[in-house]
Amino acid sequence: MSPFKRVFPVFLIVFFGYIGYSLIITIFTPMLLHEEGQLLYPHAPLEVRILFLGFLLAYYPFGQFLSSPVLGALSDRFGRRPILIFSLIITTIVYLVIALGIWLNSYLMVSIALLVAGLSEGNTTISQSVIADVVSDEERGRYFGYTYFSAAIAFILGPIIAGKLANPDFVSWFSYKTPFLFVALLLFITLLWICFGFKETHPEHHREKISYFEAFTNLKNIFTMRHVRPYYFANFFIFLGIFGFFQGFPIYAVDRFDLSVTMLGIFIAWASVPFLVVNLFVTGPLSKKFTPLQLVVVSAIWIGVFLVLGLLPTVEWSLWISLFLVGSGIALCLPACSATLSRVVEKKEQGRVLGNNLSLQFFSEAFVGVVIGFLASFYLKLTIVLFGLLSIFGALLLIMISRRKGLR
């Protein structure tokens, strides 16, 4: 069986998982900023709404931050398939709880459900581990690109679908909870697929015994694994720039141009179009000419520059340009970050190292949500500029690392 056929089910998992994740920004941003729904008390000031929105956007990635290295290590020990099944069962239930929380107008229930969803969401971590199991080093960057390609399709379709399923003008009984019920159904279908159509890729003779304490303290490896620690730190700054864009720009666009949930969904979908273009036509050819580290450096600088420049125009149509430019850099950068780490560790460490990297990515996302929640109502543009500059700093840090280690 070809590597692509073996790993195809995980692309489907990523696709459905990210459709669900795309709903969080698409639904809750206009819901809270436009005073729609009753999650907050009536006529709450904009500053309060942005603060609570920032926390709401942070719960899911914070849960992923805590769980990704654990799930990655557990998949190294017990295999990819059983951990995927466990993850999908919990996540399916939680999306039903999110819909219930919206129906009951309970900010607390929605918050807890988003945190639990993040804790149980190990799809991307384990998907990258599956790729590392069956794909050669030379092809790994391209296959990581396919993972983000699947996520890009989800981020194109998810916000558009959410805009329709949350709009009662489209169907009278549609509301903000409808998209989450739809995703719960998709996740259940995915669960059946994995149970009956996915074969284990991590054989028992490659597995290592771990203690449960070790699994839950795996994050310490970010600081103790000297040969990968500099890459973790550089990636952290780059991730701040990336999620400063993903979380800060929708709030900026809704506040600046008064976008509806439908228009916001369209713009979020448009920002994901470059992931299709780049991963289909750009990542493969560039991966043959340049190392992943070189691609990370160039794309991270690109992200920072155009993230800052995207704040200058004052007309709504400018979003079509700025979103596409920043999205192009992110599409190239994310798989290159993973491929760079994957090339500097041994095969037996792939699950936990890639899990740690994704956990760091999720922590960056949660951190950005909290920072934006506190500062966005007063310093939103300045905060976005800061995140853009941090992405550039991460690229410069990688340049220094590569020179010190003699890498390209």
Foldseek 3Di string as FASTA:
>chain_A
DDLCVQLVLLLLVLLLVLLLVLLLQLQLLCCQQVVNAQLDPPPDDNLQSLLLSLQQQQQQLLLLLQALLLLLQVCLAPFLLVLLLQLLVLLLVLLVQLLVCRVVSHSVSNSVSSNSNNNSDHSLLSSLLLLLLRPDLLCSLLVLLSSLLSSLVSLQPSLQVQLQQQDCVNPVPRHNSRSSNVSSVSSVVSSVCSVPPHDTRNDNVLHDDDDSVCSSVLLCCCVVVVLCVLLLVLLLLLLLLVLLCVNLVLNVLCVQVVDDSNVSSNLSSLLSVLSNVCSVPNQVVVSVVDALLVLQLVLLLQLLVLLLVLVPDRDNVSSNVSSNSNSNSVSRNVSSSLSVQSVRDDSSCNSSSSSSSSSSSSNSNSVSSNVCSNPVVPQSSVSSNVSSVSSNVSSVSSVVVCVVVVHD
